[in-house]
Amino acid sequence: MRTIAVPLTLINLNDDGFHLLVEIVVFGVKYWAVVDTGASRSVFNKTFIEQNSDSIVISNKEDTNATTLFTTSSTIQTVIPKLKIGKLVIKSYPAVALDLETVNDAYVLMGHPRIVAIIGSDIFHKYQAKINYKKLKILFYPKPD
C-alpha cells in the first residue's frame, strides 16, 4: 500500500478559528476544497456542478438531503468522471451538490479563495486518511487495485 501525501493550506478565519484547504482537480481544472473531518460525506457546490456536469439528477426526497455546518437544502447528484486530490485519483465519483455560496461569500470577504467542494468522511474513511497538522499534509492509504 503506497502512501499519498497531499499538501494542505491553513486559512485563518479572522482569528476565530481555522479551516484546512486542499487543491483538487475536477473536470480537468484545479480548484480549492475544504477538508472537513466532521462532514459525513463530501459535497460539491451546486452552481459549479450545474455549470460543469452534463448528467445531473435533481432530488427533493428527504433521504437525499445533505446537511453541512453551513446549510441544509435539497441536493443534486451527478457522477464526476475523475476527481484528483494530489496523486489520489478517484474515478466515477458519485457526487452530491448543494448551495455553498454562503461559504464562498464569507471566504471572499476574508480574502480567501472560493471553494468548489467540501471533502468529507466518505473519502477520508475509504482511503484511511490521516492529517499531519505540523507538516500541513493529508496522507491517504489507498488499497491496491
C-alpha atoms as a PDB file:
ATOM      1  CA  MET A   1       0.000   0.000   0.000  1.00  0.00           C
ATOM      2  CA  ARG A   2       1.606   3.247  -1.097  1.00  0.00           C
ATOM      3  CA  THR A   3       1.048   6.440   0.852  1.00  0.00           C
ATOM      4  CA  ILE A   4      -0.093   9.542  -0.980  1.00  0.00           C
ATOM      5  CA  ALA A   5       0.852  12.804   0.756  1.00  0.00           C
ATOM      6  CA  VAL A   6      -1.065  15.904  -0.304  1.00  0.00           C
ATOM      7  CA  PRO A   7      -0.212  19.436   0.877  1.00  0.00           C
ATOM      8  CA  LEU A   8      -2.791  21.409   2.837  1.00  0.00           C
ATOM      9  CA  THR A   9      -3.271  25.150   3.233  1.00  0.00           C
ATOM     10  CA  LEU A  10      -4.322  26.518   6.618  1.00  0.00           C
ATOM     11  CA  ILE A  11      -6.506  29.625   6.444  1.00  0.00           C
ATOM     12  CA  ASN A  12      -7.297  31.917   9.363  1.00  0.00           C
ATOM     13  CA  LEU A  13     -10.970  32.772   9.820  1.00  0.00           C
ATOM     14  CA  ASN A  14     -10.482  36.300  11.193  1.00  0.00           C
ATOM     15  CA  ASP A  15      -8.782  34.989  14.349  1.00  0.00           C
ATOM     16  CA  ASP A  16     -11.881  32.908  15.119  1.00  0.00           C
ATOM     17  CA  GLY A  17     -10.569  29.511  14.052  1.00  0.00           C
ATOM     18  CA  PHE A  18      -9.046  27.880  11.018  1.00  0.00           C
ATOM     19  CA  HIS A  19     -10.014  25.802   8.006  1.00  0.00           C
ATOM     20  CA  LEU A  20      -7.837  23.454   6.006  1.00  0.00           C
ATOM     21  CA  LEU A  21      -7.961  23.709   2.219  1.00  0.00           C
ATOM     22  CA  VAL A  22      -6.737  21.167  -0.305  1.00  0.00           C
ATOM     23  CA  GLU A  23      -6.244  21.586  -4.026  1.00  0.00           C
ATOM     24  CA  ILE A  24      -8.356  19.222  -6.128  1.00  0.00           C
ATOM     25  CA  VAL A  25      -8.725  18.628  -9.850  1.00  0.00           C
ATOM     26  CA  VAL A  26     -12.246  18.096 -11.118  1.00  0.00           C
ATOM     27  CA  PHE A  27     -13.445  18.285 -14.728  1.00  0.00           C
ATOM     28  CA  GLY A  28      -9.750  18.721 -15.598  1.00  0.00           C
ATOM     29  CA  VAL A  29      -9.253  22.021 -13.724  1.00  0.00           C
ATOM     30  CA  LYS A  30      -7.617  22.843 -10.352  1.00  0.00           C
ATOM     31  CA  TYR A  31      -9.828  24.207  -7.583  1.00  0.00           C
ATOM     32  CA  TRP A  32      -9.842  24.537  -3.791  1.00  0.00           C
ATOM     33  CA  ALA A  33     -11.863  22.390  -1.391  1.00  0.00           C
ATOM     34  CA  VAL A  34     -12.348  22.491   2.375  1.00  0.00           C
ATOM     35  CA  VAL A  35     -11.105  19.499   4.380  1.00  0.00           C
ATOM     36  CA  ASP A  36     -13.922  18.774   6.856  1.00  0.00           C
ATOM     37  CA  THR A  37     -13.479  15.720   9.065  1.00  0.00           C
ATOM     38  CA  GLY A  38     -16.899  16.415  10.589  1.00  0.00           C
ATOM     39  CA  ALA A  39     -18.706  16.162   7.250  1.00  0.00           C
ATOM     40  CA  SER A  40     -20.307  12.748   6.834  1.00  0.00           C
ATOM     41  CA  ARG A  41     -19.778  12.906   3.085  1.00  0.00           C
ATOM     42  CA  SER A  42     -18.186  15.138   0.514  1.00  0.00           C
ATOM     43  CA  VAL A  43     -20.334  17.742  -1.214  1.00  0.00           C
ATOM     44  CA  PHE A  44     -19.786  19.991  -4.201  1.00  0.00           C
ATOM     45  CA  ASN A  45     -21.077  23.472  -4.906  1.00  0.00           C
ATOM     46  CA  LYS A  46     -24.423  23.212  -6.702  1.00  0.00           C
ATOM     47  CA  THR A  47     -23.665  26.089  -9.095  1.00  0.00           C
ATOM     48  CA  PHE A  48     -20.318  24.531 -10.002  1.00  0.00           C
ATOM     49  CA  ILE A  49     -21.892  21.144 -10.778  1.00  0.00           C
ATOM     50  CA  GLU A  50     -24.706  22.759 -12.782  1.00  0.00           C
ATOM     51  CA  GLN A  51     -22.119  24.605 -14.890  1.00  0.00           C
ATOM     52  CA  ASN A  52     -19.826  21.614 -15.462  1.00  0.00           C
ATOM     53  CA  SER A  53     -21.821  18.372 -15.483  1.00  0.00           C
ATOM     54  CA  ASP A  54     -23.948  17.069 -18.337  1.00  0.00           C
ATOM     55  CA  SER A  55     -25.759  14.438 -16.277  1.00  0.00           C
ATOM     56  CA  ILE A  56     -27.471  15.962 -13.260  1.00  0.00           C
ATOM     57  CA  VAL A  57     -30.219  14.309 -11.226  1.00  0.00           C
ATOM     58  CA  ILE A  58     -32.307  16.657  -9.073  1.00  0.00           C
ATOM     59  CA  SER A  59     -33.695  15.147  -5.907  1.00  0.00           C
ATOM     60  CA  ASN A  60     -36.026  16.647  -3.336  1.00  0.00           C
ATOM     61  CA  LYS A  61     -36.511  13.461  -1.331  1.00  0.00           C
ATOM     62  CA  GLU A  62     -35.750  13.749   2.377  1.00  0.00           C
ATOM     63  CA  ASP A  63     -33.290  10.860   2.273  1.00  0.00           C
ATOM     64  CA  THR A  64     -31.062  12.655  -0.222  1.00  0.00           C
ATOM     65  CA  ASN A  65     -30.900  15.963   1.629  1.00  0.00           C
ATOM     66  CA  ALA A  66     -27.415  16.861   2.716  1.00  0.00           C
ATOM     67  CA  THR A  67     -26.579  18.773   5.851  1.00  0.00           C
ATOM     68  CA  THR A  68     -23.383  20.684   6.473  1.00  0.00           C
ATOM     69  CA  LEU A  69     -22.320  23.177   9.074  1.00  0.00           C
ATOM     70  CA  PHE A  70     -23.443  25.905   6.698  1.00  0.00           C
ATOM     71  CA  THR A  71     -26.747  24.884   5.151  1.00  0.00           C
ATOM     72  CA  THR A  72     -29.424  22.253   4.683  1.00  0.00           C
ATOM     73  CA  SER A  73     -31.018  22.018   1.271  1.00  0.00           C
ATOM     74  CA  SER A  74     -32.235  19.729  -1.439  1.00  0.00           C
ATOM     75  CA  THR A  75     -29.420  18.220  -3.404  1.00  0.00           C
ATOM     76  CA  ILE A  76     -28.489  17.472  -6.957  1.00  0.00           C
ATOM     77  CA  GLN A  77     -26.461  14.429  -7.888  1.00  0.00           C
ATOM     78  CA  THR A  78     -24.037  13.590 -10.666  1.00  0.00           C
ATOM     79  CA  VAL A  79     -21.074  11.345 -11.355  1.00  0.00           C
ATOM     80  CA  ILE A  80     -17.706  13.064 -11.613  1.00  0.00           C
ATOM     81  CA  PRO A  81     -15.610  11.060 -14.098  1.00  0.00           C
ATOM     82  CA  LYS A  82     -12.297  11.771 -12.334  1.00  0.00           C
ATOM     83  CA  LEU A  83     -11.624  13.531  -9.026  1.00  0.00           C
ATOM     84  CA  LYS A  84      -7.979  14.080  -8.122  1.00  0.00           C
ATOM     85  CA  ILE A  85      -6.683  15.025  -4.691  1.00  0.00           C
ATOM     86  CA  GLY A  86      -2.946  15.274  -5.198  1.00  0.00           C
ATOM     87  CA  LYS A  87      -1.946  11.932  -6.718  1.00  0.00           C
ATOM     88  CA  LEU A  88      -5.055  10.208  -5.363  1.00  0.00           C
ATOM     89  CA  VAL A  89      -7.352   9.543  -8.329  1.00  0.00           C
ATOM     90  CA  ILE A  90     -10.995   8.678  -7.701  1.00  0.00           C
ATOM     91  CA  LYS A  91     -12.851   7.527 -10.809  1.00  0.00           C
ATOM     92  CA  SER A  92     -16.632   7.782 -11.291  1.00  0.00           C
ATOM     93  CA  TYR A  93     -17.209   9.592  -8.013  1.00  0.00           C
ATOM     94  CA  PRO A  94     -20.962   9.799  -7.184  1.00  0.00           C
ATOM     95  CA  ALA A  95     -21.176  13.458  -6.198  1.00  0.00           C
ATOM     96  CA  VAL A  96     -23.835  15.253  -4.212  1.00  0.00           C
ATOM     97  CA  ALA A  97     -24.115  19.016  -4.611  1.00  0.00           C
ATOM     98  CA  LEU A  98     -25.742  21.757  -2.596  1.00  0.00           C
ATOM     99  CA  ASP A  99     -25.503  25.530  -2.316  1.00  0.00           C
ATOM    100  CA  LEU A 100     -22.103  26.531  -0.932  1.00  0.00           C
ATOM    101  CA  GLU A 101     -22.331  30.179  -1.992  1.00  0.00           C
ATOM    102  CA  THR A 102     -22.662  31.454   1.601  1.00  0.00           C
ATOM    103  CA  VAL A 103     -19.329  29.780   2.357  1.00  0.00           C
ATOM    104  CA  ASN A 104     -17.775  31.360  -0.719  1.00  0.00           C
ATOM    105  CA  ASP A 105     -19.197  34.788   0.126  1.00  0.00           C
ATOM    106  CA  ALA A 106     -17.656  34.586   3.615  1.00  0.00           C
ATOM    107  CA  TYR A 107     -14.319  33.352   2.254  1.00  0.00           C
ATOM    108  CA  VAL A 108     -14.118  36.177  -0.294  1.00  0.00           C
ATOM    109  CA  LEU A 109     -14.883  38.765   2.419  1.00  0.00           C
ATOM    110  CA  MET A 110     -11.960  37.361   4.447  1.00  0.00           C
ATOM    111  CA  GLY A 111      -9.627  37.383   1.444  1.00  0.00           C
ATOM    112  CA  HIS A 112      -9.614  33.621   0.912  1.00  0.00           C
ATOM    113  CA  PRO A 113     -10.133  31.684  -2.337  1.00  0.00           C
ATOM    114  CA  ARG A 114     -13.510  30.333  -3.409  1.00  0.00           C
ATOM    115  CA  ILE A 115     -14.127  26.611  -2.973  1.00  0.00           C
ATOM    116  CA  VAL A 116     -15.979  24.108  -5.151  1.00  0.00           C
ATOM    117  CA  ALA A 117     -16.265  21.314  -2.595  1.00  0.00           C
ATOM    118  CA  ILE A 118     -16.114  20.158   0.982  1.00  0.00           C
ATOM    119  CA  ILE A 119     -14.172  16.908   1.216  1.00  0.00           C
ATOM    120  CA  GLY A 120     -15.662  14.723   3.937  1.00  0.00           C
ATOM    121  CA  SER A 121     -15.513  11.418   5.742  1.00  0.00           C
ATOM    122  CA  ASP A 122     -16.685   9.230   2.852  1.00  0.00           C
ATOM    123  CA  ILE A 123     -13.353   9.843   1.119  1.00  0.00           C
ATOM    124  CA  PHE A 124     -11.316  10.037   4.341  1.00  0.00           C
ATOM    125  CA  HIS A 125     -12.633   6.677   5.544  1.00  0.00           C
ATOM    126  CA  LYS A 126     -12.291   4.871   2.219  1.00  0.00           C
ATOM    127  CA  TYR A 127      -8.665   5.950   1.848  1.00  0.00           C
ATOM    128  CA  GLN A 128      -7.810   5.836   5.595  1.00  0.00           C
ATOM    129  CA  ALA A 129      -6.749   9.493   5.635  1.00  0.00           C
ATOM    130  CA  LYS A 130      -4.565  10.989   8.336  1.00  0.00           C
ATOM    131  CA  ILE A 131      -3.911  14.682   8.776  1.00  0.00           C
ATOM    132  CA  ASN A 132      -0.467  15.836   9.859  1.00  0.00           C
ATOM    133  CA  TYR A 133      -1.042  19.359  11.158  1.00  0.00           C
ATOM    134  CA  LYS A 134       2.636  20.006  11.869  1.00  0.00           C
ATOM    135  CA  LYS A 135       3.612  19.296   8.250  1.00  0.00           C
ATOM    136  CA  LEU A 136       0.263  20.514   6.813  1.00  0.00           C
ATOM    137  CA  LYS A 137      -0.266  17.337   4.814  1.00  0.00           C
ATOM    138  CA  ILE A 138      -3.079  14.857   4.448  1.00  0.00           C
ATOM    139  CA  LEU A 139      -1.997  11.255   3.953  1.00  0.00           C
ATOM    140  CA  PHE A 140      -4.102   8.766   2.017  1.00  0.00           C
ATOM    141  CA  TYR A 141      -3.572   4.995   2.093  1.00  0.00           C
ATOM    142  CA  PRO A 142      -5.345   3.587  -0.973  1.00  0.00           C
ATOM    143  CA  LYS A 143      -5.768  -0.161  -1.257  1.00  0.00           C
ATOM    144  CA  PRO A 144      -4.105  -1.716  -4.306  1.00  0.00           C
ATOM    145  CA  ASP A 145      -6.490  -2.377  -7.221  1.00  0.00           C
END
